[in-house]
Protein backbone atom coordinates (compact mmCIF):
# COMPACT_ATOMS: atom_id res chain seq x y z
CA MET A 1 80.89 107.69 85.60
CA SER A 2 77.02 107.30 85.93
CA PHE A 3 75.69 107.84 89.75
CA GLN A 4 74.67 104.07 89.72
CA ALA A 5 78.35 103.14 88.75
CA TYR A 6 79.35 105.13 91.88
CA LEU A 7 76.97 103.00 93.96
CA THR A 8 78.01 99.96 92.36
CA ASN A 9 81.62 100.53 93.21
CA ILE A 10 80.93 101.52 96.80
CA LYS A 11 79.42 98.11 97.18
CA LYS A 12 82.03 96.03 95.68
CA GLN A 13 84.74 97.93 97.79
CA THR A 14 82.76 97.80 101.01
CA GLY A 15 80.05 95.23 100.78
CA MET A 16 77.51 98.14 101.98
CA ASP A 17 74.64 99.41 100.05
CA PRO A 18 73.15 102.84 100.60
CA ASP A 19 70.81 101.50 103.48
CA ASP A 20 73.64 100.20 105.43
CA PHE A 21 75.47 103.70 105.33
CA ARG A 22 72.09 105.29 106.52
CA ARG A 23 71.90 102.97 109.38
CA ILE A 24 75.37 103.54 110.50
CA ALA A 25 75.10 107.29 110.02
CA THR A 26 72.16 107.39 112.08
CA GLN A 27 73.77 105.36 114.83
CA LYS A 28 76.74 108.05 114.60
CA GLY A 29 74.42 110.90 114.88
CA TYR A 30 74.84 112.29 111.39
CA LEU A 31 71.08 111.34 110.51
CA HIS A 32 67.69 111.33 112.38
CA ASN A 33 64.59 110.11 110.52
CA GLY A 34 66.73 109.90 107.16
CA GLN A 35 67.89 113.53 107.28
CA ILE A 36 70.97 115.31 108.03
CA ASN A 37 71.06 116.60 111.65
CA ALA A 38 71.30 120.34 111.99
CA GLY A 39 75.00 121.40 112.10
CA ILE A 40 76.45 118.37 110.42
CA LYS A 41 78.43 119.53 107.43
CA ALA A 42 79.40 117.50 104.22
CA ARG A 43 82.98 117.63 105.18
CA GLU A 44 82.20 115.63 108.40
CA ILE A 45 80.53 113.09 106.43
CA VAL A 46 82.77 112.81 103.77
CA THR A 47 85.82 112.67 106.04
CA TRP A 48 84.01 109.71 108.06
CA LEU A 49 83.31 107.83 104.95
CA LYS A 50 87.12 108.36 103.69
CA GLU A 51 88.68 107.29 106.96
CA ASP A 52 86.08 104.51 107.83
CA PHE A 53 85.58 102.86 104.60
CA LYS A 54 88.62 104.15 102.62
CA LEU A 55 86.14 105.78 100.00
CA GLY A 56 87.68 108.24 97.67
CA HIS A 57 86.37 112.05 97.54
CA GLY A 58 83.70 111.42 94.67
CA HIS A 59 82.32 107.93 96.18
CA ALA A 60 82.07 109.55 99.64
CA MET A 61 80.31 112.68 98.11
CA ALA A 62 77.65 110.03 96.22
CA ILE A 63 76.92 108.76 99.72
CA TYR A 64 76.51 112.29 100.97
CA ALA A 65 74.29 112.96 98.07
CA LEU A 66 72.09 110.37 99.06
CA PHE A 67 71.74 111.62 102.59
CA LYS A 68 71.18 115.21 101.18
CA GLY A 69 68.46 113.94 99.14
CA ILE A 70 70.19 115.35 96.11
CA LYS A 71 70.28 111.76 94.67
CA ASN A 72 68.60 108.61 95.06
CA GLU A 73 69.42 104.88 94.26
CA SER A 74 67.59 104.99 91.17
CA ASP A 75 69.37 107.65 89.47
CA GLU A 76 71.50 107.03 86.30
């Protein structure tokens, strides 16, 4: 599955795009100025996404990859 397919499926499932997740992550204290706060582990973010949005592990990791800057919305 391409990275873009992950984002498309996440949007279908949750109705949210990456900017929506960034906004909520910032409100929850996971991000500041678009960067993951020091001391925040991938596990915390992935668990939050799985519990609150019912994302699977791969989809939650896709959002984490966006937060971390490993991937961006234009990646295939």
